[in-house]
PDB file of N, CA and C in Angstrom:
ATOM      1  N   MET A   1      68.102 136.384 123.845  1.00  0.00           N
ATOM      2  CA  MET A   1      68.187 137.428 122.846  1.00  0.00           C
ATOM      3  C   MET A   1      69.572 138.072 122.964  1.00  0.00           C
ATOM      4  N   SER A   2      70.249 138.216 121.825  1.00  0.00           N
ATOM      5  CA  SER A   2      71.554 138.865 121.861  1.00  0.00           C
ATOM      6  C   SER A   2      71.356 140.370 121.959  1.00  0.00           C
ATOM      7  N   GLU A   3      72.440 141.069 122.284  1.00  0.00           N
ATOM      8  CA  GLU A   3      72.339 142.526 122.431  1.00  0.00           C
ATOM      9  C   GLU A   3      72.022 143.227 121.124  1.00  0.00           C
ATOM     10  N   HIS A   4      72.159 142.531 119.978  1.00  0.00           N
ATOM     11  CA  HIS A   4      71.941 143.159 118.673  1.00  0.00           C
ATOM     12  C   HIS A   4      70.613 142.775 118.040  1.00  0.00           C
ATOM     13  N   GLU A   5      69.814 141.966 118.738  1.00  0.00           N
ATOM     14  CA  GLU A   5      68.532 141.575 118.196  1.00  0.00           C
ATOM     15  C   GLU A   5      67.481 142.607 118.572  1.00  0.00           C
ATOM     16  N   VAL A   6      66.629 142.891 117.613  1.00  0.00           N
ATOM     17  CA  VAL A   6      65.588 143.890 117.807  1.00  0.00           C
ATOM     18  C   VAL A   6      64.247 143.245 117.492  1.00  0.00           C
ATOM     19  N   THR A   7      63.277 143.491 118.308  1.00  0.00           N
ATOM     20  CA  THR A   7      61.927 143.006 118.049  1.00  0.00           C
ATOM     21  C   THR A   7      61.041 144.208 117.747  1.00  0.00           C
ATOM     22  N   PRO A   8      60.730 144.403 116.497  1.00  0.00           N
ATOM     23  CA  PRO A   8      59.908 145.579 116.145  1.00  0.00           C
ATOM     24  C   PRO A   8      58.423 145.310 116.363  1.00  0.00           C
ATOM     25  N   SER A   9      58.042 144.876 117.554  1.00  0.00           N
ATOM     26  CA  SER A   9      56.658 144.518 117.835  1.00  0.00           C
ATOM     27  C   SER A   9      55.713 145.706 117.689  1.00  0.00           C
ATOM     28  N   SER A  10      56.226 146.901 117.857  1.00  0.00           N
ATOM     29  CA  SER A  10      55.363 148.067 117.718  1.00  0.00           C
ATOM     30  C   SER A  10      54.914 148.263 116.275  1.00  0.00           C
ATOM     31  N   TYR A  11      55.565 147.558 115.342  1.00  0.00           N
ATOM     32  CA  TYR A  11      55.192 147.649 113.936  1.00  0.00           C
ATOM     33  C   TYR A  11      54.403 146.422 113.494  1.00  0.00           C
ATOM     34  N   GLY A  12      54.011 145.581 114.443  1.00  0.00           N
ATOM     35  CA  GLY A  12      53.210 144.425 114.125  1.00  0.00           C
ATOM     36  C   GLY A  12      54.000 143.215 113.664  1.00  0.00           C
ATOM     37  N   HIS A  13      55.310 143.245 113.766  1.00  0.00           N
ATOM     38  CA  HIS A  13      56.146 142.117 113.369  1.00  0.00           C
ATOM     39  C   HIS A  13      56.523 141.317 114.607  1.00  0.00           C
ATOM     40  N   SER A  14      56.626 140.014 114.439  1.00  0.00           N
ATOM     41  CA  SER A  14      57.016 139.197 115.578  1.00  0.00           C
ATOM     42  C   SER A  14      58.356 138.512 115.381  1.00  0.00           C
ATOM     43  N   GLU A  15      58.906 138.515 114.159  1.00  0.00           N
ATOM     44  CA  GLU A  15      60.181 137.853 113.930  1.00  0.00           C
ATOM     45  C   GLU A  15      61.331 138.704 114.468  1.00  0.00           C
ATOM     46  N   MET A  16      62.423 138.031 114.763  1.00  0.00           N
ATOM     47  CA  MET A  16      63.614 138.704 115.283  1.00  0.00           C
ATOM     48  C   MET A  16      64.448 139.222 114.107  1.00  0.00           C
ATOM     49  N   ILE A  17      65.028 140.359 114.294  1.00  0.00           N
ATOM     50  CA  ILE A  17      65.919 140.944 113.290  1.00  0.00           C
ATOM     51  C   ILE A  17      67.300 141.005 113.905  1.00  0.00           C
ATOM     52  N   GLU A  18      68.286 140.502 113.199  1.00  0.00           N
ATOM     53  CA  GLU A  18      69.667 140.558 113.671  1.00  0.00           C
ATOM     54  C   GLU A  18      70.284 141.850 113.128  1.00  0.00           C
ATOM     55  N   ALA A  19      70.610 142.765 114.015  1.00  0.00           N
ATOM     56  CA  ALA A  19      71.177 144.053 113.605  1.00  0.00           C
ATOM     57  C   ALA A  19      72.694 143.943 113.538  1.00  0.00           C
ATOM     58  N   ASP A  20      73.252 144.511 112.505  1.00  0.00           N
ATOM     59  CA  ASP A  20      74.703 144.551 112.342  1.00  0.00           C
ATOM     60  C   ASP A  20      75.263 145.587 113.323  1.00  0.00           C
ATOM     61  N   PRO A  21      76.288 145.246 114.093  1.00  0.00           N
ATOM     62  CA  PRO A  21      76.859 146.221 115.032  1.00  0.00           C
ATOM     63  C   PRO A  21      77.311 147.507 114.334  1.00  0.00           C
ATOM     64  N   ARG A  22      77.671 147.417 113.061  1.00  0.00           N
ATOM     65  CA  ARG A  22      78.122 148.598 112.320  1.00  0.00           C
ATOM     66  C   ARG A  22      76.975 149.571 112.069  1.00  0.00           C
ATOM     67  N   ASP A  23      75.730 149.084 112.166  1.00  0.00           N
ATOM     68  CA  ASP A  23      74.574 149.959 111.947  1.00  0.00           C
ATOM     69  C   ASP A  23      74.557 151.122 112.923  1.00  0.00           C
ATOM     70  N   ALA A  24      74.882 150.866 114.182  1.00  0.00           N
ATOM     71  CA  ALA A  24      74.880 151.939 115.180  1.00  0.00           C
ATOM     72  C   ALA A  24      75.921 152.990 114.816  1.00  0.00           C
ATOM     73  N   GLU A  25      77.090 152.547 114.360  1.00  0.00           N
ATOM     74  CA  GLU A  25      78.122 153.504 113.947  1.00  0.00           C
ATOM     75  C   GLU A  25      77.653 154.325 112.749  1.00  0.00           C
ATOM     76  N   SER A  26      77.021 153.661 111.786  1.00  0.00           N
ATOM     77  CA  SER A  26      76.525 154.370 110.602  1.00  0.00           C
ATOM     78  C   SER A  26      75.471 155.403 110.971  1.00  0.00           C
ATOM     79  N   MET A  27      74.565 155.035 111.869  1.00  0.00           N
ATOM     80  CA  MET A  27      73.526 155.975 112.281  1.00  0.00           C
ATOM     81  C   MET A  27      74.117 157.129 113.083  1.00  0.00           C
ATOM     82  N   ALA A  28      75.123 156.842 113.903  1.00  0.00           N
ATOM     83  CA  ALA A  28      75.792 157.917 114.638  1.00  0.00           C
ATOM     84  C   ALA A  28      76.451 158.877 113.654  1.00  0.00           C
ATOM     85  N   LEU A  29      77.107 158.345 112.634  1.00  0.00           N
ATOM     86  CA  LEU A  29      77.724 159.211 111.623  1.00  0.00           C
ATOM     87  C   LEU A  29      76.685 160.090 110.939  1.00  0.00           C
ATOM     88  N   CYS A  30      75.549 159.501 110.596  1.00  0.00           N
ATOM     89  CA  CYS A  30      74.482 160.292 109.957  1.00  0.00           C
ATOM     90  C   CYS A  30      74.033 161.433 110.861  1.00  0.00           C
ATOM     91  N   ALA A  31      73.842 161.130 112.127  1.00  0.00           N
ATOM     92  CA  ALA A  31      73.389 162.150 113.072  1.00  0.00           C
ATOM     93  C   ALA A  31      74.437 163.253 113.239  1.00  0.00           C
ATOM     94  N   ILE A  32      75.682 162.854 113.376  1.00  0.00           N
ATOM     95  CA  ILE A  32      76.761 163.836 113.550  1.00  0.00           C
ATOM     96  C   ILE A  32      76.880 164.700 112.302  1.00  0.00           C
ATOM     97  N   ARG A  33      76.888 164.064 111.137  1.00  0.00           N
ATOM     98  CA  ARG A  33      77.011 164.815 109.884  1.00  0.00           C
ATOM     99  C   ARG A  33      75.855 165.799 109.707  1.00  0.00           C
ATOM    100  N   TYR A  34      74.667 165.399 110.129  1.00  0.00           N
ATOM    101  CA  TYR A  34      73.504 166.280 110.035  1.00  0.00           C
ATOM    102  C   TYR A  34      73.753 167.590 110.778  1.00  0.00           C
ATOM    103  N   THR A  35      74.456 167.529 111.901  1.00  0.00           N
ATOM    104  CA  THR A  35      74.618 168.717 112.733  1.00  0.00           C
ATOM    105  C   THR A  35      75.765 169.622 112.295  1.00  0.00           C
ATOM    106  N   ILE A  36      76.689 169.114 111.481  1.00  0.00           N
ATOM    107  CA  ILE A  36      77.823 169.938 111.033  1.00  0.00           C
ATOM    108  C   ILE A  36      77.296 171.044 110.130  1.00  0.00           C
ATOM    109  N   GLY A  37      77.556 172.270 110.514  1.00  0.00           N
ATOM    110  CA  GLY A  37      77.139 173.419 109.716  1.00  0.00           C
ATOM    111  C   GLY A  37      75.740 173.922 109.993  1.00  0.00           C
ATOM    112  N   ARG A  38      74.983 173.213 110.795  1.00  0.00           N
ATOM    113  CA  ARG A  38      73.636 173.668 111.146  1.00  0.00           C
ATOM    114  C   ARG A  38      73.737 174.871 112.069  1.00  0.00           C
ATOM    115  N   ARG A  39      72.720 175.662 112.052  1.00  0.00           N
ATOM    116  CA  ARG A  39      72.604 176.769 112.985  1.00  0.00           C
ATOM    117  C   ARG A  39      71.393 176.460 113.852  1.00  0.00           C
ATOM    118  N   SER A  40      71.631 175.597 114.837  1.00  0.00           N
ATOM    119  CA  SER A  40      70.539 175.032 115.617  1.00  0.00           C
ATOM    120  C   SER A  40      71.049 174.625 116.995  1.00  0.00           C
ATOM    121  N   TYR A  41      70.101 174.381 117.887  1.00  0.00           N
ATOM    122  CA  TYR A  41      70.440 173.890 119.227  1.00  0.00           C
ATOM    123  C   TYR A  41      71.093 172.508 119.156  1.00  0.00           C
ATOM    124  N   ILE A  42      70.873 171.763 118.090  1.00  0.00           N
ATOM    125  CA  ILE A  42      71.325 170.373 117.999  1.00  0.00           C
ATOM    126  C   ILE A  42      72.831 170.249 117.785  1.00  0.00           C
ATOM    127  N   VAL A  43      73.499 171.341 117.417  1.00  0.00           N
ATOM    128  CA  VAL A  43      74.933 171.297 117.134  1.00  0.00           C
ATOM    129  C   VAL A  43      75.725 170.803 118.347  1.00  0.00           C
ATOM    130  N   GLY A  44      75.391 171.274 119.521  1.00  0.00           N
ATOM    131  CA  GLY A  44      76.100 170.845 120.724  1.00  0.00           C
ATOM    132  C   GLY A  44      75.987 169.348 120.938  1.00  0.00           C
ATOM    133  N   ASP A  45      74.819 168.781 120.640  1.00  0.00           N
ATOM    134  CA  ASP A  45      74.654 167.330 120.747  1.00  0.00           C
ATOM    135  C   ASP A  45      75.516 166.614 119.719  1.00  0.00           C
ATOM    136  N   GLY A  46      75.578 167.148 118.507  1.00  0.00           N
ATOM    137  CA  GLY A  46      76.417 166.551 117.475  1.00  0.00           C
ATOM    138  C   GLY A  46      77.885 166.571 117.859  1.00  0.00           C
ATOM    139  N   GLN A  47      78.308 167.654 118.473  1.00  0.00           N
ATOM    140  CA  GLN A  47      79.702 167.748 118.910  1.00  0.00           C
ATOM    141  C   GLN A  47      79.990 166.740 120.026  1.00  0.00           C
ATOM    142  N   ARG A  48      79.049 166.590 120.943  1.00  0.00           N
ATOM    143  CA  ARG A  48      79.203 165.605 122.020  1.00  0.00           C
ATOM    144  C   ARG A  48      79.249 164.198 121.442  1.00  0.00           C
ATOM    145  N   TRP A  49      78.344 163.899 120.506  1.00  0.00           N
ATOM    146  CA  TRP A  49      78.329 162.582 119.882  1.00  0.00           C
ATOM    147  C   TRP A  49      79.629 162.321 119.125  1.00  0.00           C
ATOM    148  N   ALA A  50      80.136 163.340 118.444  1.00  0.00           N
ATOM    149  CA  ALA A  50      81.388 163.166 117.689  1.00  0.00           C
ATOM    150  C   ALA A  50      82.511 162.747 118.630  1.00  0.00           C
ATOM    151  N   ARG A  51      82.575 163.375 119.773  1.00  0.00           N
ATOM    152  CA  ARG A  51      83.605 163.001 120.757  1.00  0.00           C
ATOM    153  C   ARG A  51      83.369 161.588 121.304  1.00  0.00           C
ATOM    154  N   GLU A  52      82.124 161.302 121.684  1.00  0.00           N
ATOM    155  CA  GLU A  52      81.816 159.999 122.280  1.00  0.00           C
ATOM    156  C   GLU A  52      82.018 158.862 121.285  1.00  0.00           C
ATOM    157  N   TRP A  53      81.469 159.009 120.089  1.00  0.00           N
ATOM    158  CA  TRP A  53      81.612 157.954 119.089  1.00  0.00           C
ATOM    159  C   TRP A  53      83.037 157.898 118.545  1.00  0.00           C
ATOM    160  N   GLY A  54      83.708 159.021 118.491  1.00  0.00           N
ATOM    161  CA  GLY A  54      85.105 159.026 118.068  1.00  0.00           C
ATOM    162  C   GLY A  54      85.998 158.281 119.032  1.00  0.00           C
ATOM    163  N   ALA A  55      85.631 158.287 120.298  1.00  0.00           N
ATOM    164  CA  ALA A  55      86.385 157.538 121.305  1.00  0.00           C
ATOM    165  C   ALA A  55      86.082 156.039 121.212  1.00  0.00           C
ATOM    166  N   ARG A  56      84.891 155.692 120.765  1.00  0.00           N
ATOM    167  CA  ARG A  56      84.476 154.286 120.672  1.00  0.00           C
ATOM    168  C   ARG A  56      84.947 153.596 119.399  1.00  0.00           C
ATOM    169  N   SER A  57      84.977 154.344 118.303  1.00  0.00           N
ATOM    170  CA  SER A  57      85.179 153.731 116.991  1.00  0.00           C
ATOM    171  C   SER A  57      86.204 154.511 116.169  1.00  0.00           C
ATOM    172  N   ALA A  58      87.279 153.843 115.809  1.00  0.00           N
ATOM    173  CA  ALA A  58      88.293 154.481 114.964  1.00  0.00           C
ATOM    174  C   ALA A  58      87.701 154.866 113.617  1.00  0.00           C
ATOM    175  N   TRP A  59      86.801 154.034 113.100  1.00  0.00           N
ATOM    176  CA  TRP A  59      86.183 154.329 111.813  1.00  0.00           C
ATOM    177  C   TRP A  59      85.373 155.622 111.882  1.00  0.00           C
ATOM    178  N   VAL A  60      84.510 155.747 112.893  1.00  0.00           N
ATOM    179  CA  VAL A  60      83.715 156.973 113.056  1.00  0.00           C
ATOM    180  C   VAL A  60      84.656 158.161 113.243  1.00  0.00           C
ATOM    181  N   ARG A  61      85.656 158.001 114.098  1.00  0.00           N
ATOM    182  CA  ARG A  61      86.617 159.083 114.362  1.00  0.00           C
ATOM    183  C   ARG A  61      87.271 159.552 113.068  1.00  0.00           C
ATOM    184  N   ASP A  62      87.731 158.621 112.242  1.00  0.00           N
ATOM    185  CA  ASP A  62      88.434 159.006 111.020  1.00  0.00           C
ATOM    186  C   ASP A  62      87.516 159.669 109.999  1.00  0.00           C
ATOM    187  N   VAL A  63      86.295 159.189 109.893  1.00  0.00           N
ATOM    188  CA  VAL A  63      85.338 159.807 108.966  1.00  0.00           C
ATOM    189  C   VAL A  63      85.011 161.229 109.415  1.00  0.00           C
ATOM    190  N   ILE A  64      84.745 161.417 110.700  1.00  0.00           N
ATOM    191  CA  ILE A  64      84.406 162.748 111.203  1.00  0.00           C
ATOM    192  C   ILE A  64      85.599 163.697 111.090  1.00  0.00           C
ATOM    193  N   ARG A  65      86.789 163.209 111.375  1.00  0.00           N
ATOM    194  CA  ARG A  65      87.990 164.046 111.216  1.00  0.00           C
ATOM    195  C   ARG A  65      88.106 164.522 109.767  1.00  0.00           C
ATOM    196  N   ARG A  66      87.914 163.605 108.824  1.00  0.00           N
ATOM    197  CA  ARG A  66      87.972 163.980 107.408  1.00  0.00           C
ATOM    198  C   ARG A  66      86.893 165.010 107.063  1.00  0.00           C
ATOM    199  N   ASP A  67      85.662 164.742 107.506  1.00  0.00           N
ATOM    200  CA  ASP A  67      84.548 165.655 107.210  1.00  0.00           C
ATOM    201  C   ASP A  67      84.792 167.044 107.797  1.00  0.00           C
ATOM    202  N   LEU A  68      85.292 167.099 109.021  1.00  0.00           N
ATOM    203  CA  LEU A  68      85.543 168.396 109.653  1.00  0.00           C
ATOM    204  C   LEU A  68      86.671 169.145 108.945  1.00  0.00           C
ATOM    205  N   ARG A  69      87.710 168.430 108.527  1.00  0.00           N
ATOM    206  CA  ARG A  69      88.796 169.090 107.788  1.00  0.00           C
ATOM    207  C   ARG A  69      88.289 169.681 106.477  1.00  0.00           C
ATOM    208  N   GLU A  70      87.483 168.899 105.761  1.00  0.00           N
ATOM    209  CA  GLU A  70      86.920 169.387 104.497  1.00  0.00           C
ATOM    210  C   GLU A  70      86.027 170.597 104.731  1.00  0.00           C
ATOM    211  N   ALA A  71      85.175 170.539 105.749  1.00  0.00           N
ATOM    212  CA  ALA A  71      84.266 171.650 106.046  1.00  0.00           C
ATOM    213  C   ALA A  71      85.039 172.889 106.495  1.00  0.00           C
ATOM    214  N   ALA A  72      86.122 172.681 107.230  1.00  0.00           N
ATOM    215  CA  ALA A  72      86.915 173.819 107.722  1.00  0.00           C
ATOM    216  C   ALA A  72      87.524 174.617 106.569  1.00  0.00           C
ATOM    217  N   ASN A  73      87.682 173.990 105.422  1.00  0.00           N
ATOM    218  CA  ASN A  73      88.247 174.667 104.249  1.00  0.00           C
ATOM    219  C   ASN A  73      87.196 175.398 103.423  1.00  0.00           C
ATOM    220  N   ARG A  74      85.928 175.296 103.803  1.00  0.00           N
ATOM    221  CA  ARG A  74      84.853 176.002 103.104  1.00  0.00           C
ATOM    222  C   ARG A  74      84.273 177.058 104.035  1.00  0.00           C
ATOM    223  N   ASP A  75      84.269 178.272 103.606  1.00  0.00           N
ATOM    224  CA  ASP A  75      83.804 179.387 104.419  1.00  0.00           C
ATOM    225  C   ASP A  75      82.377 179.158 104.920  1.00  0.00           C
ATOM    226  N   GLY A  76      82.205 179.176 106.229  1.00  0.00           N
ATOM    227  CA  GLY A  76      80.892 179.050 106.843  1.00  0.00           C
ATOM    228  C   GLY A  76      80.353 177.632 106.925  1.00  0.00           C
ATOM    229  N   ALA A  77      81.104 176.626 106.461  1.00  0.00           N
ATOM    230  CA  ALA A  77      80.593 175.255 106.422  1.00  0.00           C
ATOM    231  C   ALA A  77      80.489 174.608 107.804  1.00  0.00           C
ATOM    232  N   LEU A  78      81.140 175.200 108.798  1.00  0.00           N
ATOM    233  CA  LEU A  78      81.041 174.665 110.163  1.00  0.00           C
ATOM    234  C   LEU A  78      80.020 175.428 111.003  1.00  0.00           C
ATOM    235  N   GLY A  79      79.287 176.328 110.370  1.00  0.00           N
ATOM    236  CA  GLY A  79      78.276 177.094 111.094  1.00  0.00           C
ATOM    237  C   GLY A  79      78.779 178.479 111.456  1.00  0.00           C
ATOM    238  N   ASP A  80      78.148 179.089 112.451  1.00  0.00           N
ATOM    239  CA  ASP A  80      78.566 180.422 112.882  1.00  0.00           C
ATOM    240  C   ASP A  80      79.901 180.330 113.635  1.00  0.00           C
ATOM    241  N   ARG A  81      80.439 181.469 114.046  1.00  0.00           N
ATOM    242  CA  ARG A  81      81.760 181.476 114.693  1.00  0.00           C
ATOM    243  C   ARG A  81      81.813 180.609 115.944  1.00  0.00           C
ATOM    244  N   HIS A  82      80.759 180.677 116.740  1.00  0.00           N
ATOM    245  CA  HIS A  82      80.703 179.870 117.967  1.00  0.00           C
ATOM    246  C   HIS A  82      80.756 178.374 117.636  1.00  0.00           C
ATOM    247  N   ASP A  83      79.913 177.957 116.693  1.00  0.00           N
ATOM    248  CA  ASP A  83      79.883 176.542 116.317  1.00  0.00           C
ATOM    249  C   ASP A  83      81.185 176.120 115.635  1.00  0.00           C
ATOM    250  N   GLU A  84      81.748 176.997 114.833  1.00  0.00           N
ATOM    251  CA  GLU A  84      83.017 176.688 114.180  1.00  0.00           C
ATOM    252  C   GLU A  84      84.106 176.421 115.225  1.00  0.00           C
ATOM    253  N   ARG A  85      84.179 177.271 116.241  1.00  0.00           N
ATOM    254  CA  ARG A  85      85.150 177.037 117.322  1.00  0.00           C
ATOM    255  C   ARG A  85      84.916 175.687 117.987  1.00  0.00           C
ATOM    256  N   GLY A  86      83.652 175.366 118.212  1.00  0.00           N
ATOM    257  CA  GLY A  86      83.319 174.085 118.824  1.00  0.00           C
ATOM    258  C   GLY A  86      83.739 172.906 117.963  1.00  0.00           C
ATOM    259  N   TRP A  87      83.470 172.984 116.651  1.00  0.00           N
ATOM    260  CA  TRP A  87      83.855 171.886 115.757  1.00  0.00           C
ATOM    261  C   TRP A  87      85.373 171.767 115.645  1.00  0.00           C
ATOM    262  N   LEU A  88      86.060 172.890 115.633  1.00  0.00           N
ATOM    263  CA  LEU A  88      87.527 172.826 115.571  1.00  0.00           C
ATOM    264  C   LEU A  88      88.097 172.215 116.851  1.00  0.00           C
ATOM    265  N   ALA A  89      87.439 172.470 117.985  1.00  0.00           N
ATOM    266  CA  ALA A  89      87.853 171.839 119.244  1.00  0.00           C
ATOM    267  C   ALA A  89      87.586 170.327 119.198  1.00  0.00           C
ATOM    268  N   VAL A  90      86.462 169.946 118.612  1.00  0.00           N
ATOM    269  CA  VAL A  90      86.163 168.519 118.438  1.00  0.00           C
ATOM    270  C   VAL A  90      87.243 167.882 117.573  1.00  0.00           C
ATOM    271  N   LEU A  91      87.595 168.549 116.476  1.00  0.00           N
ATOM    272  CA  LEU A  91      88.633 168.021 115.589  1.00  0.00           C
ATOM    273  C   LEU A  91      89.952 167.849 116.337  1.00  0.00           C
ATOM    274  N   ALA A  92      90.321 168.817 117.129  1.00  0.00           N
ATOM    275  CA  ALA A  92      91.564 168.714 117.912  1.00  0.00           C
ATOM    276  C   ALA A  92      91.485 167.535 118.888  1.00  0.00           C
ATOM    277  N   ASP A  93      90.325 167.353 119.529  1.00  0.00           N
ATOM    278  CA  ASP A  93      90.154 166.226 120.452  1.00  0.00           C
ATOM    279  C   ASP A  93      90.253 164.892 119.724  1.00  0.00           C
ATOM    280  N   LEU A  94      89.613 164.796 118.549  1.00  0.00           N
ATOM    281  CA  LEU A  94      89.658 163.553 117.787  1.00  0.00           C
ATOM    282  C   LEU A  94      91.066 163.282 117.253  1.00  0.00           C
ATOM    283  N   ASP A  95      91.772 164.347 116.858  1.00  0.00           N
ATOM    284  CA  ASP A  95      93.169 164.180 116.432  1.00  0.00           C
ATOM    285  C   ASP A  95      94.023 163.648 117.574  1.00  0.00           C
ATOM    286  N   ALA A  96      93.788 164.156 118.783  1.00  0.00           N
ATOM    287  CA  ALA A  96      94.541 163.693 119.953  1.00  0.00           C
ATOM    288  C   ALA A  96      94.244 162.214 120.221  1.00  0.00           C
ATOM    289  N   LEU A  97      92.980 161.818 120.090  1.00  0.00           N
ATOM    290  CA  LEU A  97      92.620 160.408 120.267  1.00  0.00           C
ATOM    291  C   LEU A  97      93.300 159.541 119.217  1.00  0.00           C
ATOM    292  N   ALA A  98      93.320 160.027 117.977  1.00  0.00           N
ATOM    293  CA  ALA A  98      93.960 159.268 116.906  1.00  0.00           C
ATOM    294  C   ALA A  98      95.456 159.120 117.153  1.00  0.00           C
ATOM    295  N   LYS A  99      96.066 160.186 117.623  1.00  0.00           N
ATOM    296  CA  LYS A  99      97.505 160.136 117.918  1.00  0.00           C
ATOM    297  C   LYS A  99      97.784 159.129 119.026  1.00  0.00           C
ATOM    298  N   GLU A 100      96.958 159.140 120.080  1.00  0.00           N
ATOM    299  CA  GLU A 100      97.112 158.180 121.175  1.00  0.00           C
ATOM    300  C   GLU A 100      96.977 156.742 120.686  1.00  0.00           C
ATOM    301  N   ALA A 101      96.072 156.561 119.710  1.00  0.00           N
ATOM    302  CA  ALA A 101      95.820 155.226 119.193  1.00  0.00           C
ATOM    303  C   ALA A 101      96.847 154.812 118.141  1.00  0.00           C
ATOM    304  N   GLY A 102      97.738 155.748 117.796  1.00  0.00           N
ATOM    305  CA  GLY A 102      98.746 155.448 116.791  1.00  0.00           C
ATOM    306  C   GLY A 102      98.266 155.610 115.362  1.00  0.00           C
ATOM    307  N   SER A 103      97.110 156.276 115.164  1.00  0.00           N
ATOM    308  CA  SER A 103      96.600 156.534 113.830  1.00  0.00           C
ATOM    309  C   SER A 103      97.292 157.729 113.217  1.00  0.00           C
ATOM    310  N   HIS A 104      97.197 157.824 111.913  1.00  0.00           N
ATOM    311  CA  HIS A 104      97.758 158.956 111.195  1.00  0.00           C
ATOM    312  C   HIS A 104      96.989 160.234 111.544  1.00  0.00           C
ATOM    313  N   VAL A 105      97.701 161.277 111.847  1.00  0.00           N
ATOM    314  CA  VAL A 105      97.079 162.578 112.125  1.00  0.00           C
ATOM    315  C   VAL A 105      97.554 163.534 111.054  1.00  0.00           C
ATOM    316  N   ASP A 106      96.581 164.125 110.319  1.00  0.00           N
ATOM    317  CA  ASP A 106      96.919 165.066 109.228  1.00  0.00           C
ATOM    318  C   ASP A 106      97.444 166.363 109.759  1.00  0.00           C
TER     319      ASP A 106
END
């Protein structure tokens, strides 16, 4: 079995499903985006994921950088003051990673 094959036996299926490696990145983006602007305990996890996935994937990093820049221009879109500071720190960290990788930094 390859690392990307999933057996959904808990759903009564026995065939193998070949998962696209990009699926994990897409799901990580969904989870991170869900937490941007929330006023919840989950924001800290979203910020951690943004850093971790941003370090793993240039695509995830660039999408999150764009999303955070757009949200930073809308009043309150990054959450309360504490969460806003956290997201801006995430953005600075992702910008630093992009610069190290030779990507364009806005």
